[in-house]
Amino acid sequence: MVVEATAAGQIEIVFIDDSLASGDGERLAAELTTLVREALSRAREQSVGALAEVKSDSRVAEAISDMKDAMAKPLPTAPSPRRTTPPEDEDAYYRRSSWLQ
């Protein structure tokens, strides 16, 4: 049996050995190809419907919009500055001590 698949997901059964198909491999290959195409078509229709349902959710639409906005912002050209002064709750002892002591 030879099965070919395209990048678009189309599947075609090209040849089935007649001994596997009880004497009519070409007809069986054609029938199997038809069944695979019908199943693929139904799966695509269901996928389109599921995607439309997800996209119709306002939370998803908002998240997509937020991602597009974030991707449209320019990248920073310089690294962000490091903290040069310790926070108010860190004193000299805190910075040089270890919690293991």
N, C-alpha and C. Protein backbone atom coordinates (compact mmCIF):
# COMPACT_ATOMS: atom_id res chain seq x y z
N MET A 1 0.85 -1.16 0.00
CA MET A 1 0.00 0.00 0.00
C MET A 1 0.91 1.23 0.00
N VAL A 2 0.54 2.23 -0.81
CA VAL A 2 1.25 3.49 -0.85
C VAL A 2 0.26 4.59 -0.50
N VAL A 3 0.61 5.38 0.53
CA VAL A 3 -0.24 6.47 0.96
C VAL A 3 0.57 7.74 0.82
N GLU A 4 0.01 8.73 0.13
CA GLU A 4 0.69 10.01 -0.04
C GLU A 4 -0.09 11.08 0.72
N ALA A 5 0.65 11.99 1.34
CA ALA A 5 0.04 13.10 2.06
C ALA A 5 0.69 14.39 1.59
N THR A 6 -0.13 15.40 1.37
CA THR A 6 0.39 16.70 0.95
C THR A 6 0.61 17.57 2.18
N ALA A 7 1.30 18.68 1.97
CA ALA A 7 1.55 19.62 3.07
C ALA A 7 0.25 20.22 3.58
N ALA A 8 -0.78 20.25 2.75
CA ALA A 8 -2.08 20.80 3.16
C ALA A 8 -2.93 19.79 3.91
N GLY A 9 -2.41 18.58 4.12
CA GLY A 9 -3.15 17.58 4.87
C GLY A 9 -4.00 16.64 4.03
N GLN A 10 -3.93 16.78 2.73
CA GLN A 10 -4.67 15.86 1.86
C GLN A 10 -3.99 14.50 1.86
N ILE A 11 -4.77 13.46 1.92
CA ILE A 11 -4.24 12.09 1.91
C ILE A 11 -4.81 11.36 0.72
N GLU A 12 -3.94 10.65 0.03
CA GLU A 12 -4.38 9.86 -1.12
C GLU A 12 -3.71 8.50 -1.08
N ILE A 13 -4.53 7.47 -1.21
CA ILE A 13 -4.01 6.11 -1.27
C ILE A 13 -3.84 5.78 -2.74
N VAL A 14 -2.58 5.57 -3.13
CA VAL A 14 -2.25 5.43 -4.54
C VAL A 14 -2.33 3.98 -5.01
N PHE A 15 -1.87 3.05 -4.20
CA PHE A 15 -1.79 1.67 -4.67
C PHE A 15 -1.97 0.73 -3.50
N ILE A 16 -2.76 -0.28 -3.70
CA ILE A 16 -2.87 -1.37 -2.74
C ILE A 16 -2.61 -2.65 -3.51
N ASP A 17 -1.77 -3.47 -2.95
CA ASP A 17 -1.45 -4.76 -3.57
C ASP A 17 -2.73 -5.57 -3.72
N ASP A 18 -2.97 -6.09 -4.92
CA ASP A 18 -4.20 -6.84 -5.18
C ASP A 18 -4.38 -8.01 -4.22
N SER A 19 -3.29 -8.58 -3.74
CA SER A 19 -3.44 -9.70 -2.81
C SER A 19 -4.01 -9.24 -1.47
N LEU A 20 -3.76 -7.99 -1.10
CA LEU A 20 -4.33 -7.45 0.13
C LEU A 20 -5.79 -7.05 -0.06
N ALA A 21 -6.15 -6.73 -1.28
CA ALA A 21 -7.48 -6.20 -1.55
C ALA A 21 -8.43 -7.22 -2.16
N SER A 22 -8.10 -8.45 -2.10
CA SER A 22 -8.93 -9.52 -2.67
C SER A 22 -9.19 -9.30 -4.15
N GLY A 23 -8.19 -8.82 -4.88
CA GLY A 23 -8.28 -8.76 -6.32
C GLY A 23 -8.57 -7.41 -6.95
N ASP A 24 -8.98 -6.40 -6.22
CA ASP A 24 -9.29 -5.12 -6.83
C ASP A 24 -8.70 -3.97 -6.00
N GLY A 25 -7.38 -3.91 -6.01
CA GLY A 25 -6.66 -2.92 -5.22
C GLY A 25 -6.94 -1.49 -5.62
N GLU A 26 -7.09 -1.22 -6.90
CA GLU A 26 -7.33 0.15 -7.37
C GLU A 26 -8.67 0.68 -6.87
N ARG A 27 -9.71 -0.15 -6.94
CA ARG A 27 -11.03 0.28 -6.49
C ARG A 27 -11.03 0.51 -4.97
N LEU A 28 -10.37 -0.39 -4.23
CA LEU A 28 -10.29 -0.24 -2.79
C LEU A 28 -9.51 1.02 -2.41
N ALA A 29 -8.41 1.29 -3.13
CA ALA A 29 -7.63 2.49 -2.88
C ALA A 29 -8.47 3.74 -3.12
N ALA A 30 -9.24 3.74 -4.19
CA ALA A 30 -10.10 4.89 -4.50
C ALA A 30 -11.16 5.08 -3.43
N GLU A 31 -11.76 4.00 -2.96
CA GLU A 31 -12.80 4.08 -1.93
C GLU A 31 -12.21 4.58 -0.61
N LEU A 32 -11.05 4.05 -0.23
CA LEU A 32 -10.41 4.50 1.00
C LEU A 32 -10.01 5.98 0.91
N THR A 33 -9.52 6.40 -0.24
CA THR A 33 -9.16 7.80 -0.43
C THR A 33 -10.39 8.69 -0.27
N THR A 34 -11.51 8.28 -0.82
CA THR A 34 -12.75 9.04 -0.69
C THR A 34 -13.18 9.14 0.78
N LEU A 35 -13.09 8.03 1.49
CA LEU A 35 -13.46 8.04 2.90
C LEU A 35 -12.55 8.95 3.72
N VAL A 36 -11.25 8.91 3.44
CA VAL A 36 -10.29 9.76 4.15
C VAL A 36 -10.58 11.23 3.86
N ARG A 37 -10.85 11.56 2.61
CA ARG A 37 -11.15 12.95 2.24
C ARG A 37 -12.42 13.45 2.93
N GLU A 38 -13.45 12.60 3.00
CA GLU A 38 -14.68 13.00 3.67
C GLU A 38 -14.43 13.23 5.16
N ALA A 39 -13.66 12.35 5.78
CA ALA A 39 -13.34 12.51 7.20
C ALA A 39 -12.54 13.78 7.43
N LEU A 40 -11.58 14.05 6.56
CA LEU A 40 -10.77 15.26 6.68
C LEU A 40 -11.63 16.50 6.51
N SER A 41 -12.55 16.47 5.57
CA SER A 41 -13.44 17.61 5.35
C SER A 41 -14.30 17.87 6.58
N ARG A 42 -14.87 16.82 7.18
CA ARG A 42 -15.67 16.98 8.40
C ARG A 42 -14.82 17.52 9.54
N ALA A 43 -13.60 17.02 9.67
CA ALA A 43 -12.71 17.49 10.74
C ALA A 43 -12.38 18.96 10.57
N ARG A 44 -12.14 19.38 9.33
CA ARG A 44 -11.86 20.79 9.08
C ARG A 44 -13.05 21.67 9.42
N GLU A 45 -14.26 21.23 9.04
CA GLU A 45 -15.47 21.99 9.35
C GLU A 45 -15.65 22.13 10.86
N GLN A 46 -15.41 21.05 11.59
CA GLN A 46 -15.54 21.09 13.04
C GLN A 46 -14.48 22.01 13.65
N SER A 47 -13.27 21.99 13.09
CA SER A 47 -12.20 22.86 13.59
C SER A 47 -12.53 24.32 13.37
N VAL A 48 -13.07 24.64 12.19
CA VAL A 48 -13.46 26.02 11.90
C VAL A 48 -14.55 26.47 12.88
N GLY A 49 -15.51 25.62 13.15
CA GLY A 49 -16.58 25.95 14.08
C GLY A 49 -16.05 26.14 15.49
N ALA A 50 -15.15 25.28 15.92
CA ALA A 50 -14.58 25.40 17.27
C ALA A 50 -13.74 26.67 17.39
N LEU A 51 -12.98 26.98 16.36
CA LEU A 51 -12.16 28.19 16.38
C LEU A 51 -13.04 29.44 16.43
N ALA A 52 -14.11 29.44 15.66
CA ALA A 52 -15.03 30.59 15.68
C ALA A 52 -15.64 30.76 17.06
N GLU A 53 -15.97 29.66 17.71
CA GLU A 53 -16.55 29.73 19.05
C GLU A 53 -15.54 30.31 20.05
N VAL A 54 -14.30 29.89 19.95
CA VAL A 54 -13.26 30.41 20.85
C VAL A 54 -13.03 31.89 20.59
N LYS A 55 -12.94 32.27 19.32
CA LYS A 55 -12.69 33.67 18.98
C LYS A 55 -13.85 34.58 19.38
N SER A 56 -15.05 34.04 19.49
CA SER A 56 -16.20 34.86 19.85
C SER A 56 -16.21 35.22 21.33
N ASP A 57 -15.40 34.55 22.13
CA ASP A 57 -15.30 34.87 23.56
C ASP A 57 -14.56 36.20 23.71
N SER A 58 -15.17 37.14 24.39
CA SER A 58 -14.58 38.48 24.52
C SER A 58 -13.24 38.44 25.24
N ARG A 59 -13.06 37.51 26.15
CA ARG A 59 -11.78 37.41 26.86
C ARG A 59 -10.66 37.01 25.91
N VAL A 60 -10.96 36.11 24.99
CA VAL A 60 -9.96 35.69 24.01
C VAL A 60 -9.65 36.83 23.06
N ALA A 61 -10.69 37.52 22.60
CA ALA A 61 -10.47 38.66 21.70
C ALA A 61 -9.62 39.73 22.37
N GLU A 62 -9.87 39.97 23.65
CA GLU A 62 -9.08 40.96 24.39
C GLU A 62 -7.63 40.51 24.54
N ALA A 63 -7.42 39.23 24.81
CA ALA A 63 -6.05 38.72 24.95
C ALA A 63 -5.30 38.81 23.62
N ILE A 64 -5.98 38.52 22.53
CA ILE A 64 -5.35 38.63 21.20
C ILE A 64 -4.99 40.07 20.92
N SER A 65 -5.89 40.98 21.25
CA SER A 65 -5.63 42.41 21.04
C SER A 65 -4.44 42.87 21.88
N ASP A 66 -4.38 42.42 23.14
CA ASP A 66 -3.27 42.79 24.01
C ASP A 66 -1.94 42.27 23.47
N MET A 67 -1.95 41.05 22.94
CA MET A 67 -0.71 40.49 22.37
C MET A 67 -0.28 41.28 21.15
N LYS A 68 -1.24 41.65 20.30
CA LYS A 68 -0.89 42.44 19.12
C LYS A 68 -0.32 43.78 19.52
N ASP A 69 -0.92 44.42 20.53
CA ASP A 69 -0.42 45.70 21.01
C ASP A 69 1.00 45.56 21.56
N ALA A 70 1.23 44.50 22.33
CA ALA A 70 2.56 44.29 22.92
C ALA A 70 3.61 44.03 21.83
N MET A 71 3.23 43.28 20.80
CA MET A 71 4.18 42.98 19.73
C MET A 71 4.46 44.20 18.86
N ALA A 72 3.54 45.15 18.85
CA ALA A 72 3.73 46.34 18.03
C ALA A 72 4.66 47.36 18.69
N LYS A 73 4.87 47.23 19.99
CA LYS A 73 5.74 48.17 20.70
C LYS A 73 7.19 47.92 20.29
N PRO A 74 7.98 48.99 20.20
CA PRO A 74 9.39 48.81 19.84
C PRO A 74 10.16 48.12 20.97
N LEU A 75 11.17 47.38 20.57
CA LEU A 75 12.00 46.71 21.56
C LEU A 75 12.90 47.74 22.24
N PRO A 76 13.26 47.52 23.49
CA PRO A 76 14.15 48.46 24.16
C PRO A 76 15.53 48.43 23.50
N THR A 77 16.14 49.60 23.42
CA THR A 77 17.47 49.67 22.79
C THR A 77 18.58 49.57 23.81
N ALA A 78 18.28 49.89 25.07
CA ALA A 78 19.30 49.82 26.12
C ALA A 78 18.76 48.95 27.25
N PRO A 79 19.66 48.27 27.95
CA PRO A 79 19.18 47.45 29.07
C PRO A 79 18.61 48.33 30.18
N SER A 80 17.68 47.78 30.92
CA SER A 80 17.10 48.55 32.01
C SER A 80 18.14 48.73 33.11
N PRO A 81 18.10 49.87 33.79
CA PRO A 81 19.12 50.13 34.81
C PRO A 81 18.98 49.18 35.99
N ARG A 82 20.12 48.83 36.58
CA ARG A 82 20.10 47.97 37.76
C ARG A 82 19.83 48.81 39.00
N ARG A 83 19.36 48.17 40.01
CA ARG A 83 19.10 48.84 41.27
C ARG A 83 20.44 49.18 41.93
N THR A 84 20.66 50.43 42.22
CA THR A 84 21.94 50.84 42.81
C THR A 84 21.85 51.03 44.31
N THR A 85 20.68 51.27 44.82
CA THR A 85 20.52 51.43 46.27
C THR A 85 19.67 50.30 46.80
N PRO A 86 20.00 49.81 47.99
CA PRO A 86 19.20 48.70 48.55
C PRO A 86 17.83 49.20 48.97
N PRO A 87 16.86 48.33 49.02
CA PRO A 87 15.55 48.72 49.53
C PRO A 87 15.67 49.18 50.98
N GLU A 88 14.66 49.91 51.42
CA GLU A 88 14.70 50.47 52.77
C GLU A 88 14.79 49.42 53.86
N ASP A 89 14.24 48.24 53.64
CA ASP A 89 14.26 47.22 54.68
C ASP A 89 15.56 46.41 54.71
N GLU A 90 16.51 46.71 53.84
CA GLU A 90 17.79 46.02 53.84
C GLU A 90 18.84 46.93 54.46
N ASP A 91 19.38 46.51 55.57
CA ASP A 91 20.47 47.28 56.16
C ASP A 91 21.80 46.58 55.86
N ALA A 92 22.88 47.15 56.35
CA ALA A 92 24.21 46.60 56.06
C ALA A 92 24.34 45.17 56.59
N TYR A 93 23.79 44.91 57.78
CA TYR A 93 23.86 43.56 58.34
C TYR A 93 23.13 42.56 57.45
N TYR A 94 21.96 42.95 56.99
CA TYR A 94 21.14 42.07 56.14
C TYR A 94 21.89 41.70 54.86
N ARG A 95 22.56 42.65 54.26
CA ARG A 95 23.25 42.39 53.00
C ARG A 95 24.45 41.47 53.18
N ARG A 96 25.12 41.48 54.34
CA ARG A 96 26.31 40.66 54.50
C ARG A 96 26.04 39.38 55.27
N SER A 97 24.84 39.19 55.81
CA SER A 97 24.55 38.00 56.58
C SER A 97 23.88 36.93 55.71
N SER A 98 23.80 35.76 56.24
CA SER A 98 23.15 34.66 55.54
C SER A 98 22.07 34.10 56.43
N TRP A 99 21.03 33.63 55.85
CA TRP A 99 19.95 33.03 56.63
C TRP A 99 20.39 31.72 57.26
N LEU A 100 21.53 31.17 56.79
CA LEU A 100 22.05 29.92 57.36
C LEU A 100 22.74 30.15 58.71
N GLN A 101 23.10 31.39 59.00
CA GLN A 101 23.82 31.66 60.26
C GLN A 101 22.89 31.62 61.44
